[in-house]
N, C-alpha and C. Protein backbone atom coordinates (compact mmCIF):
# COMPACT_ATOMS: atom_id res chain seq x y z
N UNK A 1 0.84 -1.20 0.01
CA UNK A 1 0.00 -0.01 0.01
C UNK A 1 0.87 1.25 0.01
N UNK A 2 0.57 2.17 -0.90
CA UNK A 2 1.33 3.41 -1.01
C UNK A 2 0.86 4.41 0.05
N UNK A 3 1.76 5.22 0.52
CA UNK A 3 1.42 6.31 1.43
C UNK A 3 1.55 7.62 0.72
N UNK A 4 0.65 8.53 1.05
CA UNK A 4 0.68 9.85 0.44
C UNK A 4 1.92 10.64 0.95
N UNK A 5 2.53 11.37 0.06
CA UNK A 5 3.71 12.15 0.35
C UNK A 5 3.35 13.45 1.10
N UNK A 6 2.16 13.99 0.78
CA UNK A 6 1.74 15.26 1.36
C UNK A 6 0.56 15.04 2.31
N UNK A 7 0.34 16.03 3.21
CA UNK A 7 -0.71 15.90 4.23
C UNK A 7 -1.80 16.93 3.99
N UNK A 8 -2.98 16.69 4.59
CA UNK A 8 -4.11 17.62 4.54
C UNK A 8 -3.64 18.92 5.19
N UNK A 9 -4.00 20.04 4.55
CA UNK A 9 -3.65 21.34 5.08
C UNK A 9 -2.33 21.88 4.57
N UNK A 10 -1.55 21.07 3.91
CA UNK A 10 -0.26 21.49 3.41
C UNK A 10 -0.43 22.35 2.15
N UNK A 11 0.33 23.44 2.06
CA UNK A 11 0.31 24.30 0.90
C UNK A 11 1.41 23.92 -0.08
N UNK A 12 1.05 23.69 -1.34
CA UNK A 12 1.95 23.19 -2.34
C UNK A 12 1.75 23.96 -3.65
N UNK A 13 2.78 23.90 -4.49
CA UNK A 13 2.66 24.47 -5.84
C UNK A 13 2.18 23.38 -6.79
N UNK A 14 1.13 23.71 -7.56
CA UNK A 14 0.58 22.83 -8.59
C UNK A 14 1.16 23.20 -9.93
N UNK A 15 1.70 22.22 -10.61
CA UNK A 15 2.23 22.41 -11.97
C UNK A 15 1.43 21.53 -12.94
N UNK A 16 0.60 22.14 -13.77
CA UNK A 16 -0.21 21.33 -14.69
C UNK A 16 0.67 20.60 -15.72
N UNK A 17 0.16 19.46 -16.18
CA UNK A 17 0.84 18.72 -17.21
C UNK A 17 0.71 19.41 -18.56
N UNK A 18 1.40 18.90 -19.56
CA UNK A 18 1.37 19.57 -20.85
C UNK A 18 0.01 19.49 -21.54
N UNK A 19 -0.86 18.57 -21.13
CA UNK A 19 -2.18 18.48 -21.72
C UNK A 19 -3.23 19.20 -20.88
N UNK A 20 -2.82 19.79 -19.75
CA UNK A 20 -3.70 20.52 -18.87
C UNK A 20 -3.56 22.04 -19.11
N UNK A 21 -3.58 22.45 -20.39
CA UNK A 21 -3.31 23.83 -20.73
C UNK A 21 -4.40 24.81 -20.26
N UNK A 22 -5.57 24.33 -19.90
CA UNK A 22 -6.62 25.22 -19.41
C UNK A 22 -6.55 25.42 -17.88
N UNK A 23 -5.68 24.68 -17.23
CA UNK A 23 -5.56 24.80 -15.77
C UNK A 23 -4.36 25.65 -15.41
N UNK A 24 -4.57 26.59 -14.50
CA UNK A 24 -3.49 27.48 -14.07
C UNK A 24 -2.63 26.87 -12.98
N UNK A 25 -1.35 27.14 -13.04
CA UNK A 25 -0.43 26.74 -11.98
C UNK A 25 -0.64 27.72 -10.81
N UNK A 26 -0.19 27.33 -9.63
CA UNK A 26 -0.28 28.25 -8.49
C UNK A 26 -0.18 27.52 -7.18
N UNK A 27 -0.47 28.24 -6.11
CA UNK A 27 -0.40 27.73 -4.75
C UNK A 27 -1.73 27.09 -4.38
N UNK A 28 -1.71 25.83 -3.96
CA UNK A 28 -2.91 25.10 -3.60
C UNK A 28 -2.74 24.46 -2.24
N UNK A 29 -3.87 24.26 -1.55
CA UNK A 29 -3.87 23.59 -0.23
C UNK A 29 -4.52 22.24 -0.38
N UNK A 30 -3.93 21.22 0.21
CA UNK A 30 -4.47 19.85 0.16
C UNK A 30 -5.70 19.79 1.08
N UNK A 31 -6.85 19.35 0.53
CA UNK A 31 -8.08 19.24 1.30
C UNK A 31 -8.49 17.78 1.56
N UNK A 32 -8.08 16.85 0.66
CA UNK A 32 -8.40 15.42 0.84
C UNK A 32 -7.32 14.57 0.21
N UNK A 33 -7.08 13.41 0.81
CA UNK A 33 -6.21 12.38 0.24
C UNK A 33 -7.08 11.40 -0.48
N UNK A 34 -6.81 11.13 -1.73
CA UNK A 34 -7.66 10.26 -2.57
C UNK A 34 -6.89 8.99 -2.91
N UNK A 35 -7.61 7.94 -3.27
CA UNK A 35 -6.96 6.70 -3.69
C UNK A 35 -6.24 6.88 -5.01
N UNK A 36 -5.35 5.92 -5.34
CA UNK A 36 -4.59 6.06 -6.59
C UNK A 36 -5.42 5.96 -7.83
N UNK A 37 -4.93 6.59 -8.88
CA UNK A 37 -5.47 6.44 -10.22
C UNK A 37 -4.35 5.65 -10.95
N UNK A 38 -4.55 4.38 -11.15
CA UNK A 38 -3.50 3.52 -11.68
C UNK A 38 -2.45 3.35 -10.59
N UNK A 39 -1.24 3.81 -10.84
CA UNK A 39 -0.16 3.64 -9.88
C UNK A 39 0.16 4.92 -9.13
N UNK A 40 -0.50 6.03 -9.46
CA UNK A 40 -0.14 7.33 -8.87
C UNK A 40 -1.25 7.81 -7.92
N UNK A 41 -0.83 8.28 -6.74
CA UNK A 41 -1.78 8.79 -5.76
C UNK A 41 -2.35 10.11 -6.21
N UNK A 42 -3.56 10.43 -5.70
CA UNK A 42 -4.23 11.66 -6.06
C UNK A 42 -4.59 12.47 -4.83
N UNK A 43 -4.83 13.76 -5.05
CA UNK A 43 -5.20 14.68 -3.97
C UNK A 43 -6.34 15.57 -4.44
N UNK A 44 -7.19 16.00 -3.55
CA UNK A 44 -8.16 17.07 -3.84
C UNK A 44 -7.49 18.31 -3.25
N UNK A 45 -7.34 19.35 -4.04
CA UNK A 45 -6.65 20.56 -3.66
C UNK A 45 -7.53 21.76 -3.92
N UNK A 46 -7.28 22.87 -3.18
CA UNK A 46 -8.02 24.08 -3.32
C UNK A 46 -7.07 25.21 -3.61
N UNK A 47 -7.36 25.99 -4.64
CA UNK A 47 -6.55 27.15 -5.06
C UNK A 47 -6.66 28.19 -3.92
N UNK A 48 -5.53 28.60 -3.39
CA UNK A 48 -5.48 29.56 -2.31
C UNK A 48 -6.06 30.89 -2.73
N UNK A 49 -5.83 31.33 -3.95
CA UNK A 49 -6.30 32.63 -4.41
C UNK A 49 -7.77 32.64 -4.76
N UNK A 50 -8.27 31.65 -5.53
CA UNK A 50 -9.61 31.72 -6.04
C UNK A 50 -10.60 30.81 -5.28
N UNK A 51 -10.08 29.83 -4.54
CA UNK A 51 -10.96 28.91 -3.84
C UNK A 51 -11.45 27.75 -4.69
N UNK A 52 -11.06 27.73 -5.97
CA UNK A 52 -11.45 26.66 -6.89
C UNK A 52 -10.76 25.35 -6.45
N UNK A 53 -11.51 24.24 -6.53
CA UNK A 53 -10.96 22.94 -6.15
C UNK A 53 -10.80 22.06 -7.38
N UNK A 54 -9.85 21.14 -7.30
CA UNK A 54 -9.61 20.18 -8.38
C UNK A 54 -8.90 18.97 -7.83
N UNK A 55 -8.90 17.89 -8.63
CA UNK A 55 -8.17 16.68 -8.28
C UNK A 55 -6.91 16.65 -9.12
N UNK A 56 -5.78 16.38 -8.45
CA UNK A 56 -4.45 16.37 -9.12
C UNK A 56 -3.70 15.12 -8.72
N UNK A 57 -2.72 14.77 -9.56
CA UNK A 57 -1.83 13.65 -9.27
C UNK A 57 -0.66 14.14 -8.41
N UNK A 58 -0.09 13.24 -7.64
CA UNK A 58 1.04 13.57 -6.75
C UNK A 58 2.20 14.19 -7.50
N UNK A 59 2.45 13.72 -8.72
CA UNK A 59 3.59 14.22 -9.52
C UNK A 59 3.42 15.68 -9.95
N UNK A 60 2.19 16.20 -9.83
CA UNK A 60 1.89 17.57 -10.23
C UNK A 60 2.10 18.57 -9.07
N UNK A 61 2.41 18.05 -7.87
CA UNK A 61 2.58 18.89 -6.73
C UNK A 61 4.04 18.88 -6.24
N UNK A 62 4.47 20.07 -5.72
CA UNK A 62 5.78 20.14 -5.10
C UNK A 62 5.83 21.27 -4.05
N UNK A 63 6.83 21.21 -3.21
CA UNK A 63 6.99 22.21 -2.16
C UNK A 63 7.33 23.58 -2.76
N UNK A 64 6.78 24.68 -2.17
CA UNK A 64 7.12 26.03 -2.69
C UNK A 64 8.55 26.39 -2.46
């Protein structure tokens, strides 16, 4: 069983993938830990500036 690298409440930088051209990069807060999609863990995150929420893969998040 994989463990999530990041915790709820942690602020992280989201970097969209090359096919996520409609999604803006920025500072996001982790709101939920989600099960994996295939082999990669997922998170529900909230944009600190706009409050918009989305689901992202662990590889799209990193420390500021």
